Amino acid sequence: MLKQQLNLKLSQKLSPQQIQLMKLIQLPTQAFEQRIKQELEENPALDEGKEESIDEYDDLSNEDTADDDYENESIETDIDVDEYLSDDEIPSYRLQTNNYSPDDDDKSVPYAAGTSFTQHLKTQLSTFRFDDTGQEIAEFLVGSVDESGYIRRNIQDIVDDLAFTQNVYTDEETVEKVLRKVQKLDPAGVGARNLQECLMIQLQRKEPTKQVDLAKDIMERSFDQFSKKHYSKLLARHDITEDELRGAIEVIEHLNPKPGGAYSGNTRMVEHVIPDFTIKIEDGDLQLSLNGRNAPEMHISRDYSNMLKGYKESKEKTRAQKDAVMFIKQKLDAAKWFIEAIKQRQQTLMVTMSSIMNYQKEYFLSGDERNLRPMILKDIADEIEMDVSTVSRVANSKYVDTPYGTKLIKEFFSESMKNDQGEDVSTREIKKILEMSIEEENKRKPLTDEKLAKVLKDKGYPIARRTVAKYREQLDIPVARLRKEI
C-alpha cells in the first residue's frame, strides 16, 4: 500500500562558494598561482594588480528597467562598484618601491630540456655493428631498460615479445649475444638483469687489482652471503683476512647499484618545492610571514565599471543593454567573491600556521626534534576554532621555510606516548632518540631491536620491542645484521 508522508528535517550543506574556498585553501603556492591565472582568463571582470579608486561611480540601486518588452519585470542592478575597488589613491608604481618582496618577482621556474635516458642509450648503439635483426633486438632491449638501468625480464619473455610486437623471430642465444653488447653501453652496469650482474659488469671495467679481483670472486661465488653480511662465512670460504675483506667491501661500496640514476641528462620530472610560509628568529622571537605569491592584488576591471556607468547614464535602456548588464552583474559577483575568497584564504593560512608555530615554539627556537610537542589536528582546530578538515588541508600540502630547512607542515604533527615520568612526549622525539642511539652503536656489534628497546627504557621511554621495530622501519633503518660493519 502506497502512502504519502510529509517530513521536516534540518540538514547542513556546503554552498558552492564554501566548497571553492576549501579547494583554494588546499592549494600550495604554485598551484594557487595557476588557479588565479585560470580565473583571470575565465572572468573578464577580474584584473590583476592594484587599481586606483574611482569616485565617479555611485550605487546602481533600485534602477527601474521596465519597458514594453519586459512589462513589469525588473533587473536587479544593486551593484556597488566601489566595493570591488580599493579606496587607496596611491598608485601601484609608488607602492612597489615601498612594499617590495623578492617573492613577488620569482613567479616562473626555469626548466631544461634534454635527451632522455633511452635516447642516450640508443645513440650509443651506433658504435656497434649489427645486422638488421640485431639492430632491432638491440633497440628493443634498450627500450626495455627501466629508469634504474635494469632489464627486469627474462630472455624467453623478450624473445616472445619480439615475435609478437616486432615481428622479429629469433632465439635466446641471439638475444643473449646482443644483450652482452648492450651491457657495454654507458653508464657502466646498464642492461643488467639483477643487482649481482650489475655490480659484476662494473667490476669488469675496473683496472685489475688484488681488491678488485677479490671483489669479483665474492660477487661470483658468495653474493648471497655478502648481501646478508655473513662476514665470518666469507672469511672462511675465501680464506682471506679481515683487512683483505675490508678492502674488497670498500671497492664494492663505491659501485653504483642504480646506474640509470647516474645519467646527468635524465629528464625525469623534478618537483620544485616553494615554501608557503617563512619563520625567522629575530631577537629571540619567532616571526611568521606568508609567501608574497599567496597575497596577490586583484581588482574589478575598469572596462566593466565603465559599462555600468554607461548603462546608468543612458536614458533609454534597451533589452540588449539589460541582458548585458545582467551578464556584467554575474561576472562582477564572481569577481567580488573570488577577491574575498583570496582574503579568507590568506587569513586562514596565517591563523593556522601561527597557531602551529606557537604550539611548537620550543622546536622552532632550537631546531631540536626532541623538543617537538605531541600535536594532533584537533589541538590546532580547537585553538583557532575551525574544523579539523580545514587544518588538515593546510598541513598536508604546505611547506614552511625555517632556519633548519624547508619542512612539510604535517611533519610537526605526531601522536603522544607517556615516558617513565608519566609525561606526554611526541613519538617524533622517541624516533629521534632511537635514530641517535643507532648512530652511536658499535657497528661491529649493532644493537638488536630488543637491545634498542632496553636502551630507550633506560633513557626514560618504556616502549615494546615491536614498537621499536615499527619506528625503525619508518625511519628506513635496516635490521641489526644489515647494519654490521667489519
Protein backbone atom coordinates (compact mmCIF):
# COMPACT_ATOMS: atom_id res chain seq x y z
CA MET A 1 0.00 0.00 0.00
CA LEU A 2 1.43 3.36 -1.04
CA LYS A 3 1.41 6.28 1.38
CA GLN A 4 2.39 9.89 1.06
CA GLN A 5 4.11 11.38 4.06
CA LEU A 6 5.46 14.86 4.78
CA ASN A 7 8.72 15.00 6.75
CA LEU A 8 10.53 18.04 8.08
CA LYS A 9 14.26 17.75 8.76
CA LEU A 10 17.26 20.02 9.17
CA SER A 11 20.36 19.45 7.11
CA GLN A 12 23.60 21.33 6.55
CA LYS A 13 25.07 21.64 3.08
CA LEU A 14 28.11 23.50 1.86
CA SER A 15 27.44 26.21 -0.67
CA PRO A 16 29.38 26.16 -3.96
CA GLN A 17 31.36 29.18 -2.69
CA GLN A 18 32.37 27.36 0.50
CA ILE A 19 33.48 24.32 -1.49
CA GLN A 20 35.55 26.54 -3.76
CA LEU A 21 37.12 28.23 -0.72
CA MET A 22 38.11 24.86 0.75
CA LYS A 23 39.74 23.95 -2.56
CA LEU A 24 41.65 27.24 -2.58
CA ILE A 25 42.92 26.66 0.96
CA GLN A 26 44.20 23.22 0.00
CA LEU A 27 46.26 24.51 -2.94
CA PRO A 28 50.01 25.06 -2.40
CA THR A 29 51.60 28.27 -3.68
CA GLN A 30 52.45 27.12 -7.19
CA ALA A 31 49.01 25.56 -7.82
CA PHE A 32 47.34 28.65 -6.30
CA GLU A 33 49.11 30.84 -8.87
CA GLN A 34 47.78 28.63 -11.66
CA ARG A 35 44.26 28.87 -10.20
CA ILE A 36 44.44 32.68 -10.21
CA LYS A 37 45.67 32.63 -13.80
CA GLN A 38 42.75 30.39 -14.77
CA GLU A 39 40.23 32.70 -13.05
CA LEU A 40 41.70 35.75 -14.79
CA GLU A 41 41.28 34.02 -18.14
CA GLU A 42 37.70 32.91 -17.45
CA ASN A 43 36.37 36.09 -15.82
CA PRO A 44 36.98 39.28 -17.86
CA ALA A 45 35.61 41.38 -14.97
CA LEU A 46 38.65 40.46 -12.85
CA ASP A 47 42.05 42.12 -13.27
CA GLU A 48 45.35 41.58 -11.51
CA GLY A 49 47.20 44.37 -9.73
CA LYS A 50 46.23 47.34 -7.61
CA GLU A 51 43.75 49.86 -9.03
CA GLU A 52 43.21 53.49 -8.12
CA SER A 53 39.86 54.31 -6.55
CA ILE A 54 37.10 55.50 -8.87
CA ASP A 55 34.84 58.11 -7.27
CA GLU A 56 32.60 58.97 -10.21
CA TYR A 57 30.60 55.72 -9.94
CA ASP A 58 27.68 55.70 -7.48
CA ASP A 59 25.29 52.94 -6.46
CA LEU A 60 23.25 51.48 -9.23
CA SER A 61 20.47 50.75 -6.80
CA ASN A 62 16.83 50.28 -7.42
CA GLU A 63 17.14 51.07 -11.15
CA ASP A 64 13.81 50.64 -12.89
CA THR A 65 14.43 48.70 -16.03
CA ALA A 66 10.87 48.04 -17.13
CA ASP A 67 9.88 48.59 -20.75
CA ASP A 68 7.37 47.22 -23.25
CA ASP A 69 9.34 44.03 -23.79
CA TYR A 70 9.77 43.18 -20.10
CA GLU A 71 6.41 44.60 -18.95
CA ASN A 72 6.60 44.58 -15.13
CA GLU A 73 9.84 42.59 -14.89
CA SER A 74 12.86 44.36 -13.46
CA ILE A 75 16.52 43.52 -13.48
CA GLU A 76 18.33 43.59 -10.19
CA THR A 77 21.22 46.01 -10.52
CA ASP A 78 22.03 46.78 -6.89
CA ILE A 79 25.74 46.72 -7.56
CA ASP A 80 28.06 48.94 -5.55
CA VAL A 81 31.07 49.06 -7.85
CA ASP A 82 33.17 50.72 -5.14
CA GLU A 83 33.00 47.51 -3.11
CA TYR A 84 35.13 45.83 -5.76
CA LEU A 85 37.70 48.61 -5.84
CA SER A 86 40.38 49.73 -3.44
CA ASP A 87 39.89 53.13 -1.83
CA ASP A 88 43.63 53.64 -1.71
CA GLU A 89 44.51 56.51 -4.06
CA ILE A 90 48.26 55.82 -4.08
CA PRO A 91 49.27 54.45 -7.50
CA SER A 92 50.68 50.93 -7.56
CA TYR A 93 54.01 52.05 -9.03
CA ARG A 94 54.68 54.06 -5.86
CA LEU A 95 53.73 51.19 -3.59
CA GLN A 96 56.06 48.84 -5.47
CA THR A 97 59.08 50.77 -4.19
CA ASN A 98 57.94 50.95 -0.57
CA ASN A 99 56.50 47.47 -0.19
CA TYR A 100 58.57 45.14 -2.34
CA SER A 101 59.10 41.48 -1.65
CA PRO A 102 61.52 39.26 -3.59
CA ASP A 103 58.75 36.62 -3.68
CA ASP A 104 56.67 38.89 -5.95
CA ASP A 105 59.04 38.57 -8.91
CA ASP A 106 60.16 34.96 -9.00
CA LYS A 107 56.98 33.56 -10.48
CA SER A 108 58.41 31.16 -13.05
CA VAL A 109 60.59 28.12 -12.60
CA PRO A 110 63.06 27.63 -15.43
CA TYR A 111 63.40 24.14 -16.80
CA ALA A 112 65.87 22.49 -19.11
CA ALA A 113 65.01 20.09 -21.88
CA GLY A 114 67.46 17.32 -22.63
CA THR A 115 67.95 13.91 -24.14
CA SER A 116 66.04 11.10 -22.46
CA PHE A 117 67.89 8.18 -20.91
CA THR A 118 66.54 5.78 -23.56
CA GLN A 119 67.58 8.09 -26.39
CA HIS A 120 71.02 8.44 -24.83
CA LEU A 121 71.44 4.65 -24.94
CA LYS A 122 70.10 4.35 -28.50
CA THR A 123 72.61 6.94 -29.68
CA GLN A 124 75.44 4.78 -28.36
CA LEU A 125 74.24 1.76 -30.35
CA SER A 126 75.73 3.37 -33.48
CA THR A 127 79.20 2.47 -32.14
CA PHE A 128 78.42 -1.24 -32.70
CA ARG A 129 77.91 -3.17 -35.90
CA PHE A 130 74.60 -5.03 -36.09
CA ASP A 131 72.74 -6.69 -38.91
CA ASP A 132 69.12 -5.59 -39.40
CA THR A 133 67.75 -8.16 -36.96
CA GLY A 134 70.45 -7.42 -34.38
CA GLN A 135 69.70 -3.68 -34.60
CA GLU A 136 66.00 -4.27 -33.92
CA ILE A 137 66.81 -6.56 -30.99
CA ALA A 138 69.27 -4.03 -29.55
CA GLU A 139 66.76 -1.18 -29.79
CA PHE A 140 64.08 -3.36 -28.20
CA LEU A 141 66.44 -4.22 -25.31
CA VAL A 142 67.34 -0.57 -24.81
CA GLY A 143 63.62 0.26 -24.77
CA SER A 144 63.16 -2.35 -22.02
CA VAL A 145 65.69 -0.66 -19.71
CA ASP A 146 63.92 0.92 -16.72
CA GLU A 147 64.84 4.20 -15.03
CA SER A 148 67.24 2.42 -12.67
CA GLY A 149 69.14 0.94 -15.63
CA TYR A 150 67.90 -2.66 -15.35
CA ILE A 151 66.16 -5.04 -17.77
CA ARG A 152 63.88 -6.84 -15.34
CA ARG A 153 62.62 -9.55 -17.72
CA ASN A 154 63.83 -13.00 -18.59
CA ILE A 155 65.22 -13.72 -22.06
CA GLN A 156 62.38 -16.04 -23.10
CA ASP A 157 59.79 -13.29 -22.48
CA ILE A 158 61.85 -10.90 -24.59
CA VAL A 159 62.04 -13.47 -27.43
CA ASP A 160 58.25 -13.88 -27.33
CA ASP A 161 57.65 -10.11 -27.30
CA LEU A 162 59.97 -9.60 -30.24
CA ALA A 163 57.93 -12.11 -32.25
CA PHE A 164 54.51 -10.73 -31.28
CA THR A 165 55.19 -6.98 -31.28
CA GLN A 166 58.13 -6.50 -33.66
CA ASN A 167 57.63 -9.46 -36.00
CA VAL A 168 61.24 -10.46 -35.28
CA TYR A 169 61.76 -14.19 -34.90
CA THR A 170 64.91 -15.10 -33.01
CA ASP A 171 66.18 -17.33 -30.20
CA GLU A 172 67.53 -16.88 -26.67
CA GLU A 173 71.16 -17.33 -27.72
CA THR A 174 70.96 -14.46 -30.23
CA VAL A 175 69.25 -12.15 -27.71
CA GLU A 176 71.91 -13.03 -25.09
CA LYS A 177 74.63 -12.13 -27.58
CA VAL A 178 73.06 -8.75 -28.35
CA LEU A 179 72.43 -8.13 -24.64
CA ARG A 180 76.14 -8.51 -23.88
CA LYS A 181 76.80 -5.66 -26.33
CA VAL A 182 74.04 -3.53 -24.78
CA GLN A 183 75.68 -4.07 -21.38
CA LYS A 184 78.81 -2.35 -22.74
CA LEU A 185 76.93 0.95 -23.02
CA ASP A 186 77.43 3.80 -20.57
CA PRO A 187 76.76 4.26 -17.71
CA ALA A 188 78.51 1.08 -16.54
CA GLY A 189 76.09 -1.56 -15.31
CA VAL A 190 73.20 -0.61 -17.58
CA GLY A 191 71.24 -3.52 -19.08
CA ALA A 192 71.83 -5.83 -16.10
CA ARG A 193 69.03 -8.19 -15.11
CA ASN A 194 69.74 -8.14 -11.37
CA LEU A 195 71.98 -6.45 -8.82
CA GLN A 196 74.64 -9.15 -8.92
CA GLU A 197 75.04 -8.82 -12.70
CA CYS A 198 75.03 -5.02 -12.45
CA LEU A 199 77.90 -4.99 -9.94
CA MET A 200 79.86 -7.60 -11.92
CA ILE A 201 79.64 -5.50 -15.11
CA GLN A 202 81.07 -2.52 -13.25
CA LEU A 203 83.85 -4.60 -11.64
CA GLN A 204 84.89 -5.99 -15.03
CA ARG A 205 85.51 -2.46 -16.29
CA LYS A 206 87.82 -1.63 -13.39
CA GLU A 207 91.57 -1.96 -13.62
CA PRO A 208 92.56 -5.34 -12.14
CA THR A 209 93.96 -5.13 -8.60
CA LYS A 210 94.04 -7.55 -5.71
CA GLN A 211 90.99 -5.91 -4.11
CA VAL A 212 89.05 -5.81 -7.41
CA ASP A 213 89.82 -9.47 -8.15
CA LEU A 214 88.65 -10.46 -4.66
CA ALA A 215 85.50 -8.38 -5.09
CA LYS A 216 84.77 -10.22 -8.38
CA ASP A 217 85.30 -13.57 -6.68
CA ILE A 218 82.92 -12.63 -3.86
CA MET A 219 80.27 -11.41 -6.32
CA GLU A 220 80.52 -14.65 -8.36
CA ARG A 221 80.70 -17.22 -5.58
CA SER A 222 79.25 -15.64 -2.44
CA PHE A 223 76.82 -12.90 -3.42
CA ASP A 224 74.09 -14.23 -1.11
CA GLN A 225 76.40 -14.31 1.93
CA PHE A 226 77.74 -10.85 1.06
CA SER A 227 74.25 -9.31 0.74
CA LYS A 228 73.34 -10.75 4.16
CA LYS A 229 76.66 -9.56 5.64
CA HIS A 230 77.73 -13.01 6.83
CA TYR A 231 81.34 -11.88 7.10
CA SER A 232 82.55 -14.89 9.06
CA LYS A 233 81.40 -17.21 6.26
CA LEU A 234 83.13 -15.03 3.66
CA LEU A 235 86.41 -15.12 5.60
CA ALA A 236 86.33 -18.91 5.82
CA ARG A 237 85.10 -19.60 2.28
CA HIS A 238 87.62 -17.33 0.52
CA ASP A 239 90.44 -17.93 3.01
CA ILE A 240 91.18 -14.23 3.47
CA THR A 241 91.96 -11.84 6.33
CA GLU A 242 89.65 -9.16 7.68
CA ASP A 243 91.81 -6.45 6.08
CA GLU A 244 91.54 -8.11 2.67
CA LEU A 245 87.77 -8.45 3.05
CA ARG A 246 87.52 -4.83 4.15
CA GLY A 247 89.38 -3.75 1.01
CA ALA A 248 87.07 -5.76 -1.27
CA ILE A 249 83.98 -4.36 0.50
CA GLU A 250 85.29 -0.82 0.00
CA VAL A 251 85.59 -1.47 -3.76
CA ILE A 252 82.02 -2.83 -3.93
CA GLU A 253 80.60 0.04 -1.88
CA HIS A 254 81.90 2.50 -4.49
CA LEU A 255 79.87 0.80 -7.25
CA ASN A 256 76.51 2.18 -8.37
CA PRO A 257 73.54 -0.15 -7.72
CA LYS A 258 71.27 2.07 -9.89
CA PRO A 259 73.29 3.10 -12.97
CA GLY A 260 70.26 4.67 -14.63
CA GLY A 261 70.03 7.27 -11.89
CA ALA A 262 73.58 8.41 -12.64
CA TYR A 263 72.66 9.72 -16.11
CA SER A 264 73.00 13.50 -15.82
CA GLY A 265 70.80 14.13 -18.83
CA ASN A 266 67.86 12.20 -17.38
CA THR A 267 64.73 14.27 -17.98
CA ARG A 268 62.50 12.82 -15.29
CA MET A 269 60.07 15.21 -13.65
CA VAL A 270 61.60 17.20 -10.80
CA GLU A 271 59.32 18.59 -8.12
CA HIS A 272 60.10 22.16 -7.09
CA VAL A 273 59.06 22.95 -3.54
CA ILE A 274 58.09 26.58 -2.94
CA PRO A 275 57.66 27.39 0.78
CA ASP A 276 54.24 28.84 1.59
CA PHE A 277 55.44 30.36 4.88
CA THR A 278 58.71 31.63 6.32
CA ILE A 279 59.64 31.53 10.00
CA LYS A 280 62.57 33.65 11.18
CA ILE A 281 64.07 34.21 14.61
CA GLU A 282 64.53 37.91 15.43
CA ASP A 283 65.75 38.98 18.88
CA GLY A 284 64.71 35.63 20.35
CA ASP A 285 61.15 35.84 18.98
CA LEU A 286 59.58 33.96 16.08
CA GLN A 287 58.42 35.96 13.07
CA LEU A 288 55.95 34.36 10.65
CA SER A 289 55.35 35.62 7.12
CA LEU A 290 53.27 34.37 4.20
CA ASN A 291 54.89 33.93 0.79
CA GLY A 292 54.07 37.05 -1.26
CA ARG A 293 52.71 34.89 -4.05
CA ASN A 294 49.80 33.92 -1.80
CA ALA A 295 48.68 37.54 -1.46
CA PRO A 296 48.02 38.82 -4.98
CA GLU A 297 46.29 42.16 -5.53
CA MET A 298 43.08 41.80 -7.53
CA HIS A 299 40.52 44.38 -8.61
CA ILE A 300 37.47 44.85 -10.79
CA SER A 301 38.13 45.64 -14.44
CA ARG A 302 37.74 49.35 -15.26
CA ASP A 303 36.14 48.41 -18.60
CA TYR A 304 33.31 46.63 -16.80
CA SER A 305 32.90 49.58 -14.45
CA ASN A 306 32.64 51.88 -17.48
CA MET A 307 29.94 49.63 -18.93
CA LEU A 308 27.89 50.02 -15.75
CA LYS A 309 28.39 53.77 -15.80
CA GLY A 310 27.20 53.91 -19.40
CA TYR A 311 24.12 51.85 -18.53
CA LYS A 312 23.30 54.11 -15.57
CA GLU A 313 23.63 57.32 -17.56
CA SER A 314 21.67 56.13 -20.60
CA LYS A 315 18.12 57.45 -20.68
CA GLU A 316 16.66 54.74 -22.86
CA LYS A 317 17.52 51.22 -21.75
CA THR A 318 17.15 48.63 -24.48
CA ARG A 319 16.65 44.94 -23.97
CA ALA A 320 20.19 44.24 -25.24
CA GLN A 321 21.58 46.65 -22.65
CA LYS A 322 19.61 44.91 -19.90
CA ASP A 323 20.89 41.50 -20.99
CA ALA A 324 24.41 42.89 -21.00
CA VAL A 325 24.07 44.36 -17.50
CA MET A 326 22.82 41.01 -16.17
CA PHE A 327 25.92 39.35 -17.62
CA ILE A 328 28.12 42.09 -16.13
CA LYS A 329 26.46 41.64 -12.73
CA GLN A 330 27.15 37.89 -12.75
CA LYS A 331 30.80 38.46 -13.62
CA LEU A 332 31.15 41.21 -11.01
CA ASP A 333 29.61 38.99 -8.33
CA ALA A 334 32.00 36.16 -9.27
CA ALA A 335 34.97 38.54 -9.24
CA LYS A 336 33.94 40.03 -5.90
CA TRP A 337 33.57 36.55 -4.38
CA PHE A 338 36.96 35.43 -5.72
CA ILE A 339 38.67 38.51 -4.23
CA GLU A 340 37.01 37.82 -0.86
CA ALA A 341 37.94 34.14 -1.08
CA ILE A 342 41.61 35.06 -1.58
CA LYS A 343 41.47 37.26 1.53
CA GLN A 344 39.83 34.47 3.54
CA ARG A 345 42.45 32.02 2.30
CA GLN A 346 45.27 34.32 3.43
CA GLN A 347 43.66 34.78 6.83
CA THR A 348 43.05 31.04 7.31
CA LEU A 349 46.63 30.15 6.34
CA MET A 350 48.14 32.75 8.68
CA VAL A 351 45.89 31.90 11.63
CA THR A 352 46.54 28.16 11.28
CA MET A 353 50.30 28.42 10.81
CA SER A 354 50.61 30.99 13.60
CA SER A 355 48.88 28.57 15.96
CA ILE A 356 51.18 25.71 14.90
CA MET A 357 54.24 27.93 15.32
CA ASN A 358 53.25 28.99 18.84
CA TYR A 359 52.36 25.41 19.78
CA GLN A 360 55.81 24.19 18.68
CA LYS A 361 57.69 27.32 19.79
CA GLU A 362 60.44 25.38 21.58
CA TYR A 363 61.23 23.40 18.44
CA PHE A 364 61.31 26.44 16.12
CA LEU A 365 63.64 28.26 18.52
CA SER A 366 66.04 25.32 18.95
CA GLY A 367 65.66 23.14 15.85
CA ASP A 368 65.92 20.05 18.06
CA GLU A 369 63.27 17.49 17.11
CA ARG A 370 63.32 16.24 20.69
CA ASN A 371 61.53 19.49 21.58
CA LEU A 372 58.55 18.72 19.34
CA ARG A 373 55.39 18.52 21.43
CA PRO A 374 52.73 15.90 20.75
CA MET A 375 50.24 17.63 18.47
CA ILE A 376 47.24 16.38 16.54
CA LEU A 377 44.96 18.21 14.12
CA LYS A 378 42.25 18.62 16.75
CA ASP A 379 44.63 20.54 19.05
CA ILE A 380 45.06 23.27 16.45
CA ALA A 381 41.44 23.14 15.26
CA ASP A 382 40.18 23.73 18.83
CA GLU A 383 42.60 26.61 19.36
CA ILE A 384 41.67 28.52 16.18
CA GLU A 385 38.00 27.42 16.37
CA MET A 386 37.96 25.90 12.90
CA ASP A 387 37.14 22.47 11.57
CA VAL A 388 39.73 19.68 11.66
CA SER A 389 39.40 19.28 7.88
CA THR A 390 40.49 22.90 7.38
CA VAL A 391 43.65 22.37 9.44
CA SER A 392 44.29 19.16 7.52
CA ARG A 393 44.07 20.99 4.18
CA VAL A 394 46.69 23.48 5.36
CA ALA A 395 49.01 20.87 6.90
CA ASN A 396 49.01 18.26 4.13
CA SER A 397 50.06 20.43 1.20
CA LYS A 398 52.00 23.40 2.59
CA TYR A 399 55.69 23.92 3.32
CA VAL A 400 57.38 26.31 5.72
CA ASP A 401 60.90 27.70 5.39
CA THR A 402 62.56 27.52 8.81
CA PRO A 403 66.11 28.28 9.98
CA TYR A 404 66.63 24.49 9.89
CA GLY A 405 65.42 23.83 6.34
CA THR A 406 62.15 23.65 4.42
CA LYS A 407 59.64 21.37 6.16
CA LEU A 408 56.26 19.92 5.28
CA ILE A 409 53.85 21.25 7.90
CA LYS A 410 52.25 17.86 8.59
CA GLU A 411 55.66 16.66 9.86
CA PHE A 412 55.09 18.75 13.01
CA PHE A 413 52.08 16.62 13.94
CA SER A 414 52.61 13.45 15.94
CA GLU A 415 50.89 11.18 18.43
CA SER A 416 51.85 11.15 22.10
CA MET A 417 53.27 8.49 24.39
CA LYS A 418 53.98 8.59 28.09
CA ASN A 419 57.54 8.43 29.44
CA ASP A 420 58.52 6.88 32.76
CA GLN A 421 57.59 10.17 34.49
CA GLY A 422 54.04 9.95 33.19
CA GLU A 423 54.56 12.93 30.87
CA ASP A 424 53.24 13.03 27.32
CA VAL A 425 56.07 13.03 24.78
CA SER A 426 55.95 13.12 20.99
CA THR A 427 56.59 9.95 19.01
CA ARG A 428 58.87 12.13 16.87
CA GLU A 429 61.02 12.72 19.94
CA ILE A 430 61.27 8.96 20.55
CA LYS A 431 62.19 8.32 16.89
CA LYS A 432 64.93 10.95 17.07
CA ILE A 433 66.42 9.35 20.18
CA LEU A 434 66.17 5.92 18.53
CA GLU A 435 67.99 7.27 15.48
CA MET A 436 70.73 8.79 17.64
CA SER A 437 71.12 5.53 19.58
CA ILE A 438 71.65 3.61 16.33
CA GLU A 439 74.19 6.18 15.11
CA GLU A 440 76.18 5.80 18.34
CA GLU A 441 76.16 1.96 18.38
CA ASN A 442 79.23 -0.20 17.77
CA LYS A 443 78.89 -1.08 14.07
CA ARG A 444 80.82 -4.32 14.57
CA LYS A 445 78.09 -5.39 17.02
CA PRO A 446 74.91 -3.45 16.12
CA LEU A 447 72.06 -3.34 18.61
CA THR A 448 69.09 -5.63 18.03
CA ASP A 449 65.55 -4.28 18.41
CA GLU A 450 65.34 -5.89 21.83
CA LYS A 451 68.54 -4.15 22.97
CA LEU A 452 67.36 -0.86 21.48
CA ALA A 453 64.13 -1.18 23.49
CA LYS A 454 66.25 -1.59 26.63
CA VAL A 455 68.36 1.48 25.71
CA LEU A 456 65.22 3.57 25.27
CA LYS A 457 63.79 2.27 28.51
CA ASP A 458 66.97 3.31 30.32
CA LYS A 459 66.55 6.80 28.84
CA GLY A 460 63.02 7.03 30.18
CA TYR A 461 60.97 5.78 27.23
CA PRO A 462 59.42 2.39 28.05
CA ILE A 463 58.30 1.05 24.67
CA ALA A 464 57.96 -2.53 23.43
CA ARG A 465 60.37 -4.26 21.03
CA ARG A 466 57.73 -4.43 18.29
CA THR A 467 57.23 -0.66 18.62
CA VAL A 468 60.98 -0.16 18.20
CA ALA A 469 60.85 -2.32 15.05
CA LYS A 470 57.94 -0.22 13.69
CA TYR A 471 59.73 3.09 14.33
CA ARG A 472 62.99 1.71 12.87
CA GLU A 473 61.18 0.72 9.66
CA GLN A 474 59.51 4.14 9.47
CA LEU A 475 62.99 5.70 9.71
CA ASP A 476 64.12 3.38 6.87
CA ILE A 477 66.84 1.82 9.05
CA PRO A 478 67.71 -1.84 8.35
CA VAL A 479 67.84 -4.61 10.97
CA ALA A 480 70.95 -5.08 13.10
CA ARG A 481 72.50 -7.78 10.87
CA LEU A 482 72.43 -5.50 7.84
CA ARG A 483 73.97 -2.59 9.79
CA LYS A 484 77.02 -4.68 10.67
CA GLU A 485 80.43 -3.47 9.50
CA ILE A 486 83.75 -5.30 9.62
